[in-house]
C-alpha atoms as a PDB file:
ATOM      1  CA  MET A   1       0.000   0.000   0.000  1.00  0.00           C
ATOM      2  CA  ALA A   2       1.182   3.473  -0.774  1.00  0.00           C
ATOM      3  CA  GLU A   3       1.199   6.422   1.555  1.00  0.00           C
ATOM      4  CA  THR A   4      -0.727   9.538   0.670  1.00  0.00           C
ATOM      5  CA  ARG A   5       0.602  13.061   1.168  1.00  0.00           C
ATOM      6  CA  SER A   6      -1.034  13.262   4.586  1.00  0.00           C
ATOM      7  CA  GLY A   7       0.794  10.098   5.659  1.00  0.00           C
ATOM      8  CA  GLN A   8      -2.294   7.895   5.648  1.00  0.00           C
ATOM      9  CA  VAL A   9      -2.076   4.542   3.934  1.00  0.00           C
ATOM     10  CA  SER A  10      -4.251   4.237   0.845  1.00  0.00           C
ATOM     11  CA  ASN A  11      -5.503   1.007  -0.657  1.00  0.00           C
ATOM     12  CA  MET A  12      -6.242   2.527  -4.056  1.00  0.00           C
ATOM     13  CA  THR A  13      -3.155   1.156  -5.797  1.00  0.00           C
ATOM     14  CA  GLY A  14      -5.421  -1.717  -6.810  1.00  0.00           C
ATOM     15  CA  TRP A  15      -7.199   0.659  -9.198  1.00  0.00           C
ATOM     16  CA  VAL A  16      -3.919   1.459 -10.907  1.00  0.00           C
ATOM     17  CA  MET A  17      -2.914  -2.214 -11.059  1.00  0.00           C
ATOM     18  CA  PHE A  18      -6.334  -2.978 -12.535  1.00  0.00           C
ATOM     19  CA  ALA A  19      -5.883  -0.186 -15.072  1.00  0.00           C
ATOM     20  CA  GLY A  20      -2.434  -1.507 -16.015  1.00  0.00           C
ATOM     21  CA  TRP A  21      -3.692  -5.034 -16.650  1.00  0.00           C
ATOM     22  CA  LEU A  22      -6.750  -3.640 -18.412  1.00  0.00           C
ATOM     23  CA  MET A  23      -4.475  -1.619 -20.680  1.00  0.00           C
ATOM     24  CA  ILE A  24      -2.445  -4.706 -21.536  1.00  0.00           C
ATOM     25  CA  PHE A  25      -5.589  -6.736 -22.224  1.00  0.00           C
ATOM     26  CA  THR A  26      -7.211  -3.940 -24.231  1.00  0.00           C
ATOM     27  CA  GLY A  27      -3.988  -3.474 -26.157  1.00  0.00           C
ATOM     28  CA  VAL A  28      -3.895  -7.145 -27.125  1.00  0.00           C
ATOM     29  CA  VAL A  29      -7.536  -7.052 -28.229  1.00  0.00           C
ATOM     30  CA  GLN A  30      -6.897  -3.878 -30.236  1.00  0.00           C
ATOM     31  CA  ILE A  31      -3.891  -5.566 -31.877  1.00  0.00           C
ATOM     32  CA  VAL A  32      -6.068  -8.524 -32.878  1.00  0.00           C
ATOM     33  CA  TYR A  33      -8.780  -6.229 -34.267  1.00  0.00           C
ATOM     34  CA  GLY A  34      -6.189  -4.153 -36.088  1.00  0.00           C
ATOM     35  CA  LEU A  35      -4.609  -7.223 -37.678  1.00  0.00           C
ATOM     36  CA  ALA A  36      -8.035  -8.557 -38.623  1.00  0.00           C
ATOM     37  CA  ALA A  37      -8.873  -5.276 -40.317  1.00  0.00           C
ATOM     38  CA  LEU A  38      -5.571  -5.299 -42.189  1.00  0.00           C
ATOM     39  CA  PHE A  39      -5.681  -8.891 -43.393  1.00  0.00           C
ATOM     40  CA  ASN A  40      -9.403  -9.172 -44.028  1.00  0.00           C
ATOM     41  CA  GLN A  41     -10.875  -5.849 -45.037  1.00  0.00           C
ATOM     42  CA  HIS A  42     -14.353  -7.359 -45.353  1.00  0.00           C
ATOM     43  CA  TRP A  43     -14.289  -8.423 -41.712  1.00  0.00           C
ATOM     44  CA  TYR A  44     -16.168  -5.341 -40.558  1.00  0.00           C
ATOM     45  CA  VAL A  45     -19.872  -5.053 -41.289  1.00  0.00           C
ATOM     46  CA  TYR A  46     -20.701  -2.316 -43.744  1.00  0.00           C
ATOM     47  CA  THR A  47     -24.108  -0.707 -43.654  1.00  0.00           C
ATOM     48  CA  SER A  48     -25.750   1.730 -46.027  1.00  0.00           C
ATOM     49  CA  GLN A  49     -26.277   4.118 -43.113  1.00  0.00           C
ATOM     50  CA  ALA A  50     -22.568   4.458 -42.207  1.00  0.00           C
ATOM     51  CA  ALA A  51     -20.253   6.958 -43.865  1.00  0.00           C
ATOM     52  CA  TYR A  52     -16.535   6.150 -43.692  1.00  0.00           C
ATOM     53  CA  ILE A  53     -13.960   8.873 -44.197  1.00  0.00           C
ATOM     54  CA  VAL A  54     -11.043   6.427 -44.454  1.00  0.00           C
ATOM     55  CA  ASN A  55     -10.898   2.802 -45.466  1.00  0.00           C
ATOM     56  CA  VAL A  56     -10.783  -0.146 -43.085  1.00  0.00           C
ATOM     57  CA  ALA A  57      -7.055  -0.670 -43.606  1.00  0.00           C
ATOM     58  CA  SER A  58      -6.365   2.806 -42.190  1.00  0.00           C
ATOM     59  CA  TRP A  59      -8.445   2.041 -39.113  1.00  0.00           C
ATOM     60  CA  GLY A  60      -6.645  -1.304 -38.872  1.00  0.00           C
ATOM     61  CA  TRP A  61      -3.339   0.503 -38.645  1.00  0.00           C
ATOM     62  CA  ALA A  62      -4.765   2.948 -36.101  1.00  0.00           C
ATOM     63  CA  LEU A  63      -6.113   0.120 -33.928  1.00  0.00           C
ATOM     64  CA  LEU A  64      -2.851  -1.826 -34.263  1.00  0.00           C
ATOM     65  CA  LEU A  65      -0.746   1.170 -33.270  1.00  0.00           C
ATOM     66  CA  THR A  66      -2.932   2.160 -30.324  1.00  0.00           C
ATOM     67  CA  GLY A  67      -3.022  -1.477 -29.200  1.00  0.00           C
ATOM     68  CA  ILE A  68       0.762  -1.715 -29.150  1.00  0.00           C
ATOM     69  CA  LEU A  69       1.060   1.595 -27.328  1.00  0.00           C
ATOM     70  CA  LEU A  70      -1.648   0.580 -24.813  1.00  0.00           C
ATOM     71  CA  ALA A  71       0.128  -2.689 -24.013  1.00  0.00           C
ATOM     72  CA  ILE A  72       3.501  -0.962 -23.574  1.00  0.00           C
ATOM     73  CA  SER A  73       2.086   1.833 -21.418  1.00  0.00           C
ATOM     74  CA  GLY A  74       0.171  -0.739 -19.330  1.00  0.00           C
ATOM     75  CA  TRP A  75       3.409  -2.583 -18.663  1.00  0.00           C
ATOM     76  CA  LEU A  76       5.147   0.696 -17.751  1.00  0.00           C
ATOM     77  CA  LEU A  77       2.207   1.668 -15.543  1.00  0.00           C
ATOM     78  CA  LEU A  78       2.503  -1.587 -13.605  1.00  0.00           C
ATOM     79  CA  ARG A  79       6.123  -0.688 -12.931  1.00  0.00           C
ATOM     80  CA  GLY A  80       5.051   2.707 -11.517  1.00  0.00           C
ATOM     81  CA  ASN A  81       6.700   4.656 -14.319  1.00  0.00           C
ATOM     82  CA  LEU A  82       5.725   8.318 -14.780  1.00  0.00           C
ATOM     83  CA  PHE A  83       6.167   8.042 -18.546  1.00  0.00           C
ATOM     84  CA  GLY A  84       3.818   5.031 -18.486  1.00  0.00           C
ATOM     85  CA  ARG A  85       1.165   7.082 -16.685  1.00  0.00           C
ATOM     86  CA  THR A  86       1.487   9.973 -19.109  1.00  0.00           C
ATOM     87  CA  MET A  87       1.551   7.746 -22.157  1.00  0.00           C
ATOM     88  CA  GLY A  88      -1.352   5.725 -20.763  1.00  0.00           C
ATOM     89  CA  VAL A  89      -3.658   8.736 -20.581  1.00  0.00           C
ATOM     90  CA  ILE A  90      -2.659   9.981 -24.036  1.00  0.00           C
ATOM     91  CA  VAL A  91      -3.044   6.558 -25.661  1.00  0.00           C
ATOM     92  CA  ALA A  92      -6.347   5.887 -23.910  1.00  0.00           C
ATOM     93  CA  VAL A  93      -7.710   9.167 -25.301  1.00  0.00           C
ATOM     94  CA  LEU A  94      -6.406   8.247 -28.774  1.00  0.00           C
ATOM     95  CA  ASN A  95      -8.000   4.822 -28.423  1.00  0.00           C
ATOM     96  CA  ILE A  96     -11.343   6.444 -27.579  1.00  0.00           C
ATOM     97  CA  LEU A  97     -11.049   8.517 -30.753  1.00  0.00           C
ATOM     98  CA  ALA A  98     -10.118   5.446 -32.823  1.00  0.00           C
ATOM     99  CA  ASN A  99     -13.139   3.566 -31.493  1.00  0.00           C
ATOM    100  CA  LEU A 100     -15.398   6.504 -32.268  1.00  0.00           C
ATOM    101  CA  GLY A 101     -14.212   6.183 -35.852  1.00  0.00           C
ATOM    102  CA  VAL A 102     -15.372   2.576 -36.167  1.00  0.00           C
ATOM    103  CA  PHE A 103     -18.497   3.069 -34.057  1.00  0.00           C
ATOM    104  CA  ALA A 104     -20.866   2.596 -37.000  1.00  0.00           C
ATOM    105  CA  ALA A 105     -19.256  -0.734 -37.931  1.00  0.00           C
ATOM    106  CA  THR A 106     -18.886  -2.198 -34.425  1.00  0.00           C
ATOM    107  CA  PRO A 107     -21.051  -0.289 -31.949  1.00  0.00           C
ATOM    108  CA  GLY A 108     -20.941  -2.900 -29.193  1.00  0.00           C
ATOM    109  CA  TRP A 109     -17.171  -3.172 -29.094  1.00  0.00           C
ATOM    110  CA  SER A 110     -16.768   0.575 -29.494  1.00  0.00           C
ATOM    111  CA  ILE A 111     -18.974   1.349 -26.482  1.00  0.00           C
ATOM    112  CA  LEU A 112     -17.161  -1.256 -24.378  1.00  0.00           C
ATOM    113  CA  ALA A 113     -13.740   0.032 -25.432  1.00  0.00           C
ATOM    114  CA  ILE A 114     -14.713   3.645 -24.719  1.00  0.00           C
ATOM    115  CA  VAL A 115     -15.950   2.743 -21.223  1.00  0.00           C
ATOM    116  CA  VAL A 116     -12.824   0.669 -20.498  1.00  0.00           C
ATOM    117  CA  ASN A 117     -10.587   3.513 -21.628  1.00  0.00           C
ATOM    118  CA  ALA A 118     -12.546   5.972 -19.473  1.00  0.00           C
ATOM    119  CA  VAL A 119     -11.930   3.711 -16.441  1.00  0.00           C
ATOM    120  CA  ILE A 120      -8.235   3.555 -17.340  1.00  0.00           C
ATOM    121  CA  ILE A 121      -8.012   7.347 -17.566  1.00  0.00           C
ATOM    122  CA  TYR A 122      -9.834   7.726 -14.229  1.00  0.00           C
ATOM    123  CA  ALA A 123      -7.559   5.258 -12.443  1.00  0.00           C
ATOM    124  CA  ILE A 124      -4.384   6.816 -13.805  1.00  0.00           C
ATOM    125  CA  LEU A 125      -5.351  10.430 -13.151  1.00  0.00           C
ATOM    126  CA  VAL A 126      -6.787   9.886  -9.684  1.00  0.00           C
ATOM    127  CA  TYR A 127      -4.582   7.122  -8.244  1.00  0.00           C
ATOM    128  CA  GLY A 128      -1.606   6.841 -10.615  1.00  0.00           C
ATOM    129  CA  ARG A 129       0.886   8.577  -8.349  1.00  0.00           C
ATOM    130  CA  GLU A 130       0.304   6.088  -5.538  1.00  0.00           C
ATOM    131  CA  LEU A 131       1.740   3.141  -7.459  1.00  0.00           C
ATOM    132  CA  SER A 132       5.120   4.817  -7.877  1.00  0.00           C
ATOM    133  CA  SER A 133       5.489   5.332  -4.117  1.00  0.00           C
END
């Protein structure tokens, strides 16, 4: 358990550990989705109601890149690294934006990924400093 500034012991490092493992898991899932979009561009469901600005391969690269960065920053976050905390918040925000881009094709996964990334951002911003102590 980490000590807070007032000297009291806090048990909130579990939130940060949870966020770190969630980042690693989410990163792996994003990597799989990114690879699937790259290798099978018909994998996503296309509807007549959705308008895509870029093709699926571009979103595949975006999901692959954010997945790799999420997994790395999750690993750094588990080690209590300041760079991991900073990178974790930035990549989680980028991942929210990437999932908003594919929302029309995969609304269920996009909503889940946005909520998970919001939890990650909350845990890092509120309790991230405690893990490094």
